[in-house]
Amino acid sequence: MGYVLFLAVCLGLNSISCFAQPIFLTVASTPYDRQMIPISCVLNSSAGHLAGQTSLTTINQWMINLRAIPYQYSLQWKTPAQLDSDFAADCKGKAIMLYAKMRAIGARHVRFVIGKHYVADLKTHAWLEWDTTRGTYLLDPTLKSAVEPANAHDPATYIPLYAYTGSRKYRASYCRPSYASVVASN
């Protein structure tokens, strides 16, 4: 059993370079499209009229409030309205609620991301990434209580597989160094 797990980790590390920055490639579909139908209206929502007035303090308070909601996995993707009436949510529900709040106050360049929290995880995790003039931020209301710069986390964590912004869908691709550049650096 240990050998199989070791082999799975090695294959995962080979297929996803945990030290490379992802490039998001536009795709026509993802494996999650059918499941995401209930939240497509949230992803496709227009940015609110308060553009440019997005406060990190406000977002951090939202993250604290969402993190305080008890975690409970749900097979169904919950809308913000459903989350308001429930007493628990999983990472998908918390991230979608934060996405909706950010879009309502005018935040732009926000991505809903599905990926791996740790590179060797067997299950996926959901969070947000937000590109600003100050850099890219990682927003994980399930595991974090504050916004943090995306480059501040361990490179073996928060490995994107797919991302969504508006009606656009993306697959993360990782550029691995060529054999020649690896040999040259040794």
N, C-alpha and C. Protein backbone atom coordinates (compact mmCIF):
# COMPACT_ATOMS: atom_id res chain seq x y z
N MET A 1 0.83 -1.20 0.00
CA MET A 1 0.00 0.00 0.00
C MET A 1 0.87 1.25 0.00
N GLY A 2 1.95 1.25 0.79
CA GLY A 2 2.85 2.39 0.85
C GLY A 2 3.51 2.66 -0.49
N TYR A 3 3.85 1.58 -1.20
CA TYR A 3 4.47 1.71 -2.52
C TYR A 3 3.52 2.36 -3.51
N VAL A 4 2.25 1.97 -3.45
CA VAL A 4 1.25 2.53 -4.37
C VAL A 4 1.09 4.03 -4.10
N LEU A 5 1.03 4.42 -2.82
CA LEU A 5 0.91 5.83 -2.48
C LEU A 5 2.14 6.60 -2.94
N PHE A 6 3.33 6.03 -2.73
CA PHE A 6 4.56 6.68 -3.18
C PHE A 6 4.55 6.86 -4.70
N LEU A 7 4.12 5.83 -5.41
CA LEU A 7 4.05 5.90 -6.87
C LEU A 7 3.05 6.98 -7.32
N ALA A 8 1.91 7.06 -6.64
CA ALA A 8 0.90 8.07 -6.99
C ALA A 8 1.46 9.48 -6.77
N VAL A 9 2.16 9.69 -5.67
CA VAL A 9 2.76 10.99 -5.39
C VAL A 9 3.80 11.34 -6.44
N CYS A 10 4.65 10.38 -6.79
CA CYS A 10 5.67 10.63 -7.81
C CYS A 10 5.05 10.98 -9.15
N LEU A 11 4.01 10.25 -9.54
CA LEU A 11 3.33 10.56 -10.80
C LEU A 11 2.70 11.93 -10.75
N GLY A 12 2.11 12.27 -9.61
CA GLY A 12 1.50 13.59 -9.46
C GLY A 12 2.53 14.70 -9.55
N LEU A 13 3.68 14.50 -8.91
CA LEU A 13 4.73 15.51 -8.98
C LEU A 13 5.30 15.61 -10.38
N ASN A 14 5.32 14.51 -11.10
CA ASN A 14 5.82 14.53 -12.47
C ASN A 14 4.86 15.28 -13.39
N SER A 15 3.57 15.11 -13.17
CA SER A 15 2.60 15.74 -14.06
C SER A 15 2.30 17.18 -13.69
N ILE A 16 2.50 17.55 -12.43
CA ILE A 16 2.28 18.93 -12.00
C ILE A 16 3.55 19.41 -11.34
N SER A 17 4.18 20.37 -11.94
CA SER A 17 5.37 20.95 -11.34
C SER A 17 4.94 21.90 -10.25
N CYS A 18 5.18 21.54 -9.00
CA CYS A 18 4.70 22.37 -7.90
C CYS A 18 5.55 23.63 -7.72
N PHE A 19 6.60 23.79 -8.50
CA PHE A 19 7.41 24.98 -8.38
C PHE A 19 7.21 25.93 -9.56
N ALA A 20 6.30 25.63 -10.45
CA ALA A 20 6.04 26.48 -11.61
C ALA A 20 4.75 27.27 -11.41
N GLN A 21 4.68 28.42 -12.03
CA GLN A 21 3.47 29.22 -12.01
C GLN A 21 2.53 28.71 -13.08
N PRO A 22 1.25 28.57 -12.77
CA PRO A 22 0.33 28.07 -13.79
C PRO A 22 0.04 29.12 -14.85
N ILE A 23 -0.22 28.64 -16.03
CA ILE A 23 -0.73 29.47 -17.12
C ILE A 23 -2.14 28.96 -17.34
N PHE A 24 -3.11 29.86 -17.40
CA PHE A 24 -4.50 29.46 -17.58
C PHE A 24 -4.84 29.49 -19.06
N LEU A 25 -5.19 28.32 -19.59
CA LEU A 25 -5.56 28.18 -20.99
C LEU A 25 -7.08 28.12 -21.09
N THR A 26 -7.65 28.91 -21.99
CA THR A 26 -9.10 28.91 -22.19
C THR A 26 -9.52 27.56 -22.76
N VAL A 27 -10.60 27.00 -22.21
CA VAL A 27 -11.13 25.72 -22.68
C VAL A 27 -12.64 25.86 -22.88
N ALA A 28 -13.20 24.99 -23.72
CA ALA A 28 -14.64 25.02 -23.98
C ALA A 28 -15.43 24.35 -22.87
N SER A 29 -14.82 23.39 -22.18
CA SER A 29 -15.53 22.69 -21.12
C SER A 29 -14.55 22.17 -20.09
N THR A 30 -15.10 21.83 -18.92
CA THR A 30 -14.31 21.23 -17.84
C THR A 30 -15.09 20.05 -17.29
N PRO A 31 -14.45 19.21 -16.50
CA PRO A 31 -15.18 18.08 -15.90
C PRO A 31 -16.25 18.52 -14.89
N TYR A 32 -16.25 19.78 -14.50
CA TYR A 32 -17.16 20.27 -13.47
C TYR A 32 -18.37 21.02 -14.03
N ASP A 33 -18.48 21.17 -15.33
CA ASP A 33 -19.53 22.00 -15.93
C ASP A 33 -20.94 21.63 -15.48
N ARG A 34 -21.27 20.37 -15.50
CA ARG A 34 -22.64 19.96 -15.10
C ARG A 34 -22.92 20.29 -13.65
N GLN A 35 -21.94 20.04 -12.78
CA GLN A 35 -22.13 20.30 -11.36
C GLN A 35 -22.27 21.79 -11.07
N MET A 36 -21.68 22.63 -11.90
CA MET A 36 -21.64 24.07 -11.64
C MET A 36 -22.87 24.81 -12.17
N ILE A 37 -23.78 24.12 -12.80
CA ILE A 37 -24.98 24.79 -13.34
C ILE A 37 -25.68 25.66 -12.29
N PRO A 38 -25.89 25.19 -11.06
CA PRO A 38 -26.60 26.03 -10.08
C PRO A 38 -25.88 27.34 -9.75
N ILE A 39 -24.56 27.39 -9.90
CA ILE A 39 -23.84 28.60 -9.53
C ILE A 39 -23.40 29.43 -10.74
N SER A 40 -23.80 29.03 -11.94
CA SER A 40 -23.37 29.76 -13.14
C SER A 40 -23.85 31.21 -13.11
N CYS A 41 -25.01 31.47 -12.53
CA CYS A 41 -25.49 32.85 -12.45
C CYS A 41 -24.58 33.70 -11.56
N VAL A 42 -23.98 33.10 -10.55
CA VAL A 42 -23.05 33.83 -9.68
C VAL A 42 -21.77 34.13 -10.46
N LEU A 43 -21.24 33.11 -11.15
CA LEU A 43 -20.00 33.30 -11.90
C LEU A 43 -20.18 34.32 -13.02
N ASN A 44 -21.36 34.38 -13.61
CA ASN A 44 -21.63 35.29 -14.72
C ASN A 44 -22.15 36.65 -14.29
N SER A 45 -22.19 36.91 -12.99
CA SER A 45 -22.72 38.18 -12.51
C SER A 45 -21.82 39.34 -12.91
N SER A 46 -22.43 40.49 -13.13
CA SER A 46 -21.68 41.70 -13.47
C SER A 46 -21.06 42.27 -12.20
N ALA A 47 -19.96 42.96 -12.40
CA ALA A 47 -19.33 43.63 -11.27
C ALA A 47 -20.22 44.77 -10.81
N GLY A 48 -20.31 44.95 -9.51
CA GLY A 48 -21.12 46.02 -8.95
C GLY A 48 -20.60 47.40 -9.31
N HIS A 49 -21.29 48.39 -8.88
CA HIS A 49 -20.97 49.77 -9.24
C HIS A 49 -19.91 50.41 -8.35
N LEU A 50 -19.40 49.71 -7.37
CA LEU A 50 -18.41 50.28 -6.45
C LEU A 50 -16.98 49.95 -6.84
N ALA A 51 -16.72 49.74 -8.13
CA ALA A 51 -15.39 49.37 -8.59
C ALA A 51 -14.33 50.31 -8.03
N GLY A 52 -13.22 49.72 -7.60
CA GLY A 52 -12.13 50.51 -7.05
C GLY A 52 -12.27 50.77 -5.57
N GLN A 53 -13.36 50.37 -4.96
CA GLN A 53 -13.57 50.60 -3.54
C GLN A 53 -13.54 49.30 -2.75
N THR A 54 -12.78 48.35 -3.24
CA THR A 54 -12.69 47.06 -2.59
C THR A 54 -11.65 47.12 -1.47
N SER A 55 -12.08 46.99 -0.25
CA SER A 55 -11.22 47.10 0.92
C SER A 55 -10.76 45.72 1.38
N LEU A 56 -9.45 45.56 1.59
CA LEU A 56 -8.94 44.29 2.12
C LEU A 56 -9.50 44.02 3.51
N THR A 57 -9.73 45.08 4.27
CA THR A 57 -10.32 44.91 5.61
C THR A 57 -11.70 44.29 5.51
N THR A 58 -12.51 44.77 4.57
CA THR A 58 -13.85 44.21 4.37
C THR A 58 -13.78 42.76 3.93
N ILE A 59 -12.92 42.47 2.97
CA ILE A 59 -12.78 41.10 2.48
C ILE A 59 -12.29 40.17 3.59
N ASN A 60 -11.33 40.64 4.40
CA ASN A 60 -10.86 39.82 5.53
C ASN A 60 -11.98 39.53 6.51
N GLN A 61 -12.86 40.50 6.76
CA GLN A 61 -13.99 40.26 7.65
C GLN A 61 -14.94 39.23 7.06
N TRP A 62 -15.19 39.30 5.75
CA TRP A 62 -16.02 38.29 5.09
C TRP A 62 -15.37 36.91 5.23
N MET A 63 -14.05 36.84 5.05
CA MET A 63 -13.36 35.55 5.17
C MET A 63 -13.47 35.00 6.58
N ILE A 64 -13.35 35.85 7.58
CA ILE A 64 -13.49 35.41 8.97
C ILE A 64 -14.89 34.85 9.19
N ASN A 65 -15.91 35.57 8.70
CA ASN A 65 -17.29 35.12 8.87
C ASN A 65 -17.55 33.80 8.13
N LEU A 66 -17.02 33.66 6.92
CA LEU A 66 -17.21 32.41 6.17
C LEU A 66 -16.44 31.26 6.80
N ARG A 67 -15.26 31.53 7.30
CA ARG A 67 -14.47 30.47 7.96
C ARG A 67 -15.17 29.97 9.21
N ALA A 68 -15.93 30.84 9.85
CA ALA A 68 -16.66 30.47 11.08
C ALA A 68 -17.84 29.54 10.79
N ILE A 69 -18.30 29.49 9.56
CA ILE A 69 -19.40 28.59 9.21
C ILE A 69 -18.87 27.16 9.28
N PRO A 70 -19.53 26.26 9.99
CA PRO A 70 -19.04 24.89 10.09
C PRO A 70 -18.90 24.24 8.71
N TYR A 71 -17.83 23.45 8.57
CA TYR A 71 -17.58 22.77 7.31
C TYR A 71 -18.44 21.51 7.22
N GLN A 72 -19.10 21.35 6.10
CA GLN A 72 -19.83 20.12 5.81
C GLN A 72 -19.84 19.93 4.30
N TYR A 73 -19.27 18.82 3.86
CA TYR A 73 -19.20 18.54 2.42
C TYR A 73 -20.61 18.41 1.85
N SER A 74 -20.80 18.94 0.65
CA SER A 74 -22.07 18.83 -0.04
C SER A 74 -21.80 18.39 -1.47
N LEU A 75 -22.50 17.37 -1.90
CA LEU A 75 -22.36 16.91 -3.28
C LEU A 75 -22.87 17.98 -4.24
N GLN A 76 -23.92 18.70 -3.85
CA GLN A 76 -24.49 19.77 -4.66
C GLN A 76 -23.73 21.07 -4.43
N TRP A 77 -23.58 21.84 -5.48
CA TRP A 77 -22.95 23.15 -5.37
C TRP A 77 -24.01 24.13 -4.88
N LYS A 78 -23.77 24.78 -3.77
CA LYS A 78 -24.75 25.67 -3.16
C LYS A 78 -24.59 27.10 -3.67
N THR A 79 -25.73 27.74 -3.89
CA THR A 79 -25.74 29.15 -4.26
C THR A 79 -25.57 29.97 -2.98
N PRO A 80 -25.21 31.24 -3.09
CA PRO A 80 -25.15 32.09 -1.89
C PRO A 80 -26.47 32.12 -1.12
N ALA A 81 -27.60 32.11 -1.82
CA ALA A 81 -28.90 32.10 -1.13
C ALA A 81 -29.07 30.82 -0.30
N GLN A 82 -28.66 29.68 -0.85
CA GLN A 82 -28.75 28.43 -0.10
C GLN A 82 -27.81 28.45 1.10
N LEU A 83 -26.63 29.02 0.91
CA LEU A 83 -25.65 29.09 2.00
C LEU A 83 -26.18 29.97 3.13
N ASP A 84 -26.89 31.05 2.79
CA ASP A 84 -27.48 31.93 3.81
C ASP A 84 -28.48 31.20 4.69
N SER A 85 -29.16 30.20 4.14
CA SER A 85 -30.18 29.50 4.92
C SER A 85 -29.66 28.21 5.58
N ASP A 86 -28.48 27.78 5.24
CA ASP A 86 -27.90 26.56 5.83
C ASP A 86 -26.98 26.93 7.00
N PHE A 87 -26.68 25.93 7.79
CA PHE A 87 -25.80 26.15 8.93
C PHE A 87 -24.39 25.61 8.69
N ALA A 88 -24.14 25.12 7.48
CA ALA A 88 -22.82 24.55 7.16
C ALA A 88 -22.56 24.69 5.67
N ALA A 89 -21.28 24.63 5.29
CA ALA A 89 -20.90 24.73 3.88
C ALA A 89 -19.54 24.09 3.69
N ASP A 90 -19.27 23.70 2.45
CA ASP A 90 -17.95 23.18 2.12
C ASP A 90 -17.14 24.27 1.42
N CYS A 91 -15.96 23.92 0.92
CA CYS A 91 -15.09 24.91 0.30
C CYS A 91 -15.72 25.54 -0.93
N LYS A 92 -16.49 24.77 -1.68
CA LYS A 92 -17.15 25.31 -2.89
C LYS A 92 -18.14 26.40 -2.51
N GLY A 93 -18.97 26.11 -1.53
CA GLY A 93 -19.99 27.07 -1.10
C GLY A 93 -19.39 28.34 -0.52
N LYS A 94 -18.37 28.18 0.30
CA LYS A 94 -17.73 29.35 0.91
C LYS A 94 -17.03 30.21 -0.15
N ALA A 95 -16.34 29.58 -1.09
CA ALA A 95 -15.64 30.33 -2.14
C ALA A 95 -16.63 31.04 -3.06
N ILE A 96 -17.73 30.36 -3.41
CA ILE A 96 -18.73 31.00 -4.27
C ILE A 96 -19.40 32.18 -3.56
N MET A 97 -19.67 32.04 -2.27
CA MET A 97 -20.25 33.15 -1.51
C MET A 97 -19.29 34.35 -1.53
N LEU A 98 -18.01 34.11 -1.31
CA LEU A 98 -17.03 35.19 -1.33
C LEU A 98 -16.94 35.80 -2.73
N TYR A 99 -16.98 34.97 -3.76
CA TYR A 99 -16.97 35.46 -5.15
C TYR A 99 -18.15 36.40 -5.38
N ALA A 100 -19.34 36.00 -4.95
CA ALA A 100 -20.54 36.82 -5.13
C ALA A 100 -20.40 38.16 -4.39
N LYS A 101 -19.89 38.14 -3.18
CA LYS A 101 -19.72 39.37 -2.40
C LYS A 101 -18.72 40.30 -3.08
N MET A 102 -17.63 39.73 -3.57
CA MET A 102 -16.62 40.55 -4.21
C MET A 102 -17.14 41.17 -5.51
N ARG A 103 -17.85 40.39 -6.30
CA ARG A 103 -18.42 40.93 -7.54
C ARG A 103 -19.45 42.02 -7.24
N ALA A 104 -20.21 41.86 -6.17
CA ALA A 104 -21.23 42.84 -5.80
C ALA A 104 -20.62 44.20 -5.45
N ILE A 105 -19.40 44.20 -4.90
CA ILE A 105 -18.77 45.48 -4.56
C ILE A 105 -17.86 45.98 -5.68
N GLY A 106 -17.86 45.29 -6.80
CA GLY A 106 -17.13 45.80 -7.95
C GLY A 106 -15.77 45.19 -8.21
N ALA A 107 -15.39 44.18 -7.45
CA ALA A 107 -14.07 43.56 -7.68
C ALA A 107 -14.03 42.94 -9.08
N ARG A 108 -12.93 43.14 -9.74
CA ARG A 108 -12.72 42.58 -11.07
C ARG A 108 -11.52 41.64 -11.01
N HIS A 109 -11.38 40.82 -12.03
CA HIS A 109 -10.24 39.90 -12.15
C HIS A 109 -10.20 38.89 -11.00
N VAL A 110 -11.38 38.41 -10.61
CA VAL A 110 -11.50 37.39 -9.56
C VAL A 110 -11.74 36.05 -10.24
N ARG A 111 -10.98 35.03 -9.85
CA ARG A 111 -11.13 33.68 -10.40
C ARG A 111 -11.59 32.72 -9.31
N PHE A 112 -12.59 31.91 -9.63
CA PHE A 112 -12.98 30.78 -8.79
C PHE A 112 -12.10 29.62 -9.25
N VAL A 113 -11.37 29.01 -8.33
CA VAL A 113 -10.38 28.00 -8.68
C VAL A 113 -10.72 26.66 -8.04
N ILE A 114 -10.59 25.61 -8.83
CA ILE A 114 -10.68 24.25 -8.33
C ILE A 114 -9.31 23.62 -8.54
N GLY A 115 -8.79 23.04 -7.49
CA GLY A 115 -7.46 22.44 -7.58
C GLY A 115 -7.17 21.57 -6.39
N LYS A 116 -5.91 21.47 -6.07
CA LYS A 116 -5.45 20.67 -4.93
C LYS A 116 -4.92 21.60 -3.86
N HIS A 117 -5.36 21.38 -2.62
CA HIS A 117 -4.79 22.18 -1.53
C HIS A 117 -3.33 21.79 -1.33
N TYR A 118 -3.06 20.49 -1.31
CA TYR A 118 -1.69 19.97 -1.30
C TYR A 118 -1.51 19.16 -2.58
N VAL A 119 -0.32 19.18 -3.11
CA VAL A 119 -0.07 18.53 -4.40
C VAL A 119 -0.43 17.04 -4.38
N ALA A 120 -0.29 16.37 -3.25
CA ALA A 120 -0.56 14.93 -3.18
C ALA A 120 -2.00 14.60 -2.77
N ASP A 121 -2.84 15.61 -2.55
CA ASP A 121 -4.23 15.35 -2.15
C ASP A 121 -4.96 14.56 -3.21
N LEU A 122 -5.83 13.66 -2.77
CA LEU A 122 -6.64 12.88 -3.70
C LEU A 122 -7.92 13.62 -4.06
N LYS A 123 -8.38 14.50 -3.18
CA LYS A 123 -9.61 15.27 -3.43
C LYS A 123 -9.26 16.70 -3.79
N THR A 124 -10.21 17.36 -4.44
CA THR A 124 -9.97 18.75 -4.84
C THR A 124 -10.44 19.72 -3.76
N HIS A 125 -10.06 20.96 -3.94
CA HIS A 125 -10.38 22.05 -3.02
C HIS A 125 -10.76 23.26 -3.88
N ALA A 126 -11.51 24.19 -3.33
CA ALA A 126 -11.91 25.40 -4.07
C ALA A 126 -11.51 26.64 -3.29
N TRP A 127 -11.07 27.67 -4.01
CA TRP A 127 -10.68 28.94 -3.43
C TRP A 127 -10.78 30.00 -4.52
N LEU A 128 -10.42 31.24 -4.20
CA LEU A 128 -10.41 32.33 -5.17
C LEU A 128 -8.99 32.86 -5.34
N GLU A 129 -8.74 33.38 -6.52
CA GLU A 129 -7.53 34.16 -6.78
C GLU A 129 -7.99 35.49 -7.34
N TRP A 130 -7.32 36.56 -6.93
CA TRP A 130 -7.73 37.91 -7.30
C TRP A 130 -6.51 38.69 -7.79
N ASP A 131 -6.52 39.06 -9.06
CA ASP A 131 -5.43 39.85 -9.65
C ASP A 131 -5.73 41.33 -9.43
N THR A 132 -4.78 42.03 -8.81
CA THR A 132 -4.92 43.47 -8.57
C THR A 132 -3.64 44.16 -9.04
N THR A 133 -3.63 45.47 -8.97
CA THR A 133 -2.42 46.21 -9.33
C THR A 133 -1.30 45.97 -8.31
N ARG A 134 -1.66 45.49 -7.13
CA ARG A 134 -0.66 45.19 -6.08
C ARG A 134 -0.18 43.75 -6.13
N GLY A 135 -0.70 42.97 -7.08
CA GLY A 135 -0.31 41.56 -7.20
C GLY A 135 -1.51 40.66 -7.13
N THR A 136 -1.25 39.36 -7.17
CA THR A 136 -2.31 38.36 -7.09
C THR A 136 -2.46 37.91 -5.65
N TYR A 137 -3.73 37.85 -5.21
CA TYR A 137 -4.04 37.41 -3.86
C TYR A 137 -4.75 36.07 -3.88
N LEU A 138 -4.51 35.28 -2.84
CA LEU A 138 -5.18 34.01 -2.63
C LEU A 138 -6.22 34.23 -1.53
N LEU A 139 -7.46 33.80 -1.79
CA LEU A 139 -8.54 33.96 -0.83
C LEU A 139 -9.17 32.59 -0.61
N ASP A 140 -8.95 32.02 0.56
CA ASP A 140 -9.49 30.70 0.89
C ASP A 140 -10.30 30.80 2.18
N PRO A 141 -11.60 31.10 2.07
CA PRO A 141 -12.40 31.29 3.27
C PRO A 141 -12.68 30.00 4.05
N THR A 142 -12.26 28.87 3.52
CA THR A 142 -12.42 27.60 4.24
C THR A 142 -11.26 27.40 5.22
N LEU A 143 -10.05 27.74 4.79
CA LEU A 143 -8.86 27.45 5.60
C LEU A 143 -8.11 28.68 6.10
N LYS A 144 -8.43 29.84 5.57
CA LYS A 144 -7.70 31.06 5.94
C LYS A 144 -8.67 32.12 6.46
N SER A 145 -8.16 33.00 7.31
CA SER A 145 -8.98 34.08 7.86
C SER A 145 -8.63 35.43 7.26
N ALA A 146 -7.67 35.45 6.35
CA ALA A 146 -7.25 36.72 5.75
C ALA A 146 -6.74 36.50 4.34
N VAL A 147 -6.84 37.55 3.56
CA VAL A 147 -6.28 37.57 2.21
C VAL A 147 -4.77 37.48 2.33
N GLU A 148 -4.14 36.73 1.45
CA GLU A 148 -2.68 36.68 1.47
C GLU A 148 -2.15 36.72 0.04
N PRO A 149 -0.95 37.26 -0.13
CA PRO A 149 -0.37 37.26 -1.47
C PRO A 149 -0.21 35.83 -1.98
N ALA A 150 -0.53 35.60 -3.23
CA ALA A 150 -0.47 34.25 -3.79
C ALA A 150 0.94 33.67 -3.73
N ASN A 151 1.94 34.52 -3.80
CA ASN A 151 3.32 34.00 -3.78
C ASN A 151 3.84 33.77 -2.36
N ALA A 152 3.00 33.95 -1.34
CA ALA A 152 3.42 33.78 0.05
C ALA A 152 3.22 32.36 0.58
N HIS A 153 2.55 31.50 -0.19
CA HIS A 153 2.29 30.16 0.31
C HIS A 153 3.33 29.17 -0.21
N ASP A 154 3.40 28.03 0.43
CA ASP A 154 4.29 26.95 0.04
C ASP A 154 3.96 26.55 -1.39
N PRO A 155 4.95 26.43 -2.28
CA PRO A 155 4.66 26.10 -3.68
C PRO A 155 4.04 24.70 -3.88
N ALA A 156 4.05 23.87 -2.86
CA ALA A 156 3.41 22.55 -2.96
C ALA A 156 1.95 22.60 -2.50
N THR A 157 1.43 23.81 -2.28
CA THR A 157 0.03 23.98 -1.90
C THR A 157 -0.67 24.86 -2.93
N TYR A 158 -1.99 24.80 -2.91
CA TYR A 158 -2.83 25.60 -3.81
C TYR A 158 -2.41 25.43 -5.27
N ILE A 159 -2.59 24.21 -5.75
CA ILE A 159 -2.25 23.85 -7.12
C ILE A 159 -3.52 23.93 -7.96
N PRO A 160 -3.69 24.97 -8.80
CA PRO A 160 -4.90 25.09 -9.60
C PRO A 160 -4.99 24.01 -10.68
N LEU A 161 -6.21 23.52 -10.90
CA LEU A 161 -6.48 22.61 -12.02
C LEU A 161 -7.37 23.31 -13.04
N TYR A 162 -8.43 23.97 -12.54
CA TYR A 162 -9.39 24.69 -13.39
C TYR A 162 -9.72 26.01 -12.72
N ALA A 163 -10.08 27.01 -13.55
CA ALA A 163 -10.49 28.30 -13.02
C ALA A 163 -11.66 28.82 -13.84
N TYR A 164 -12.45 29.65 -13.21
CA TYR A 164 -13.66 30.20 -13.84
C TYR A 164 -13.74 31.68 -13.49
N THR A 165 -14.04 32.46 -14.48
CA THR A 165 -14.30 33.88 -14.28
C THR A 165 -15.33 34.30 -15.30
N GLY A 166 -16.47 34.75 -14.81
CA GLY A 166 -17.57 35.03 -15.73
C GLY A 166 -17.97 33.76 -16.45
N SER A 167 -18.16 33.87 -17.74
CA SER A 167 -18.53 32.68 -18.53
C SER A 167 -17.30 31.96 -19.07
N ARG A 168 -16.12 32.43 -18.75
CA ARG A 168 -14.89 31.82 -19.25
C ARG A 168 -14.43 30.69 -18.34
N LYS A 169 -13.89 29.66 -18.99
CA LYS A 169 -13.37 28.50 -18.27
C LYS A 169 -11.92 28.32 -18.66
N TYR A 170 -11.12 27.89 -17.69
CA TYR A 170 -9.69 27.72 -17.94
C TYR A 170 -9.19 26.41 -17.36
N ARG A 171 -8.18 25.88 -17.98
CA ARG A 171 -7.43 24.73 -17.46
C ARG A 171 -6.04 25.24 -17.14
N ALA A 172 -5.56 24.90 -15.98
CA ALA A 172 -4.21 25.33 -15.60
C ALA A 172 -3.19 24.45 -16.32
N SER A 173 -2.17 25.07 -16.82
CA SER A 173 -1.08 24.37 -17.47
C SER A 173 0.21 24.83 -16.81
N TYR A 174 1.13 23.92 -16.65
CA TYR A 174 2.38 24.23 -15.98
C TYR A 174 3.53 24.04 -16.95
N CYS A 175 4.33 25.06 -17.07
CA CYS A 175 5.51 24.97 -17.94
C CYS A 175 6.62 24.32 -17.14
N ARG A 176 7.07 23.19 -17.63
CA ARG A 176 8.19 22.53 -16.99
C ARG A 176 9.45 22.91 -17.72
N PRO A 177 10.57 23.04 -16.99
CA PRO A 177 11.80 23.37 -17.67
C PRO A 177 12.21 22.27 -18.64
N SER A 178 12.83 22.67 -19.70
CA SER A 178 13.30 21.68 -20.68
C SER A 178 14.46 20.90 -20.09
N TYR A 179 14.76 19.75 -20.67
CA TYR A 179 15.87 18.93 -20.20
C TYR A 179 17.17 19.72 -20.25
N ALA A 180 17.36 20.48 -21.31
CA ALA A 180 18.60 21.25 -21.49
C ALA A 180 18.78 22.25 -20.36
N SER A 181 17.70 22.93 -19.93
CA SER A 181 17.85 23.93 -18.86
C SER A 181 18.09 23.26 -17.51
N VAL A 182 17.56 22.07 -17.30
CA VAL A 182 17.81 21.34 -16.04
C VAL A 182 19.27 20.90 -15.99
N VAL A 183 19.79 20.37 -17.09
CA VAL A 183 21.19 19.93 -17.15
C VAL A 183 22.11 21.12 -16.98
N ALA A 184 21.79 22.24 -17.61
CA ALA A 184 22.64 23.42 -17.54
C ALA A 184 22.71 23.99 -16.12
N SER A 185 21.64 23.82 -15.34
CA SER A 185 21.65 24.39 -13.98
C SER A 185 22.38 23.51 -12.99
N ASN A 186 22.70 22.26 -13.35
CA ASN A 186 23.39 21.35 -12.41
C ASN A 186 24.88 21.47 -12.49
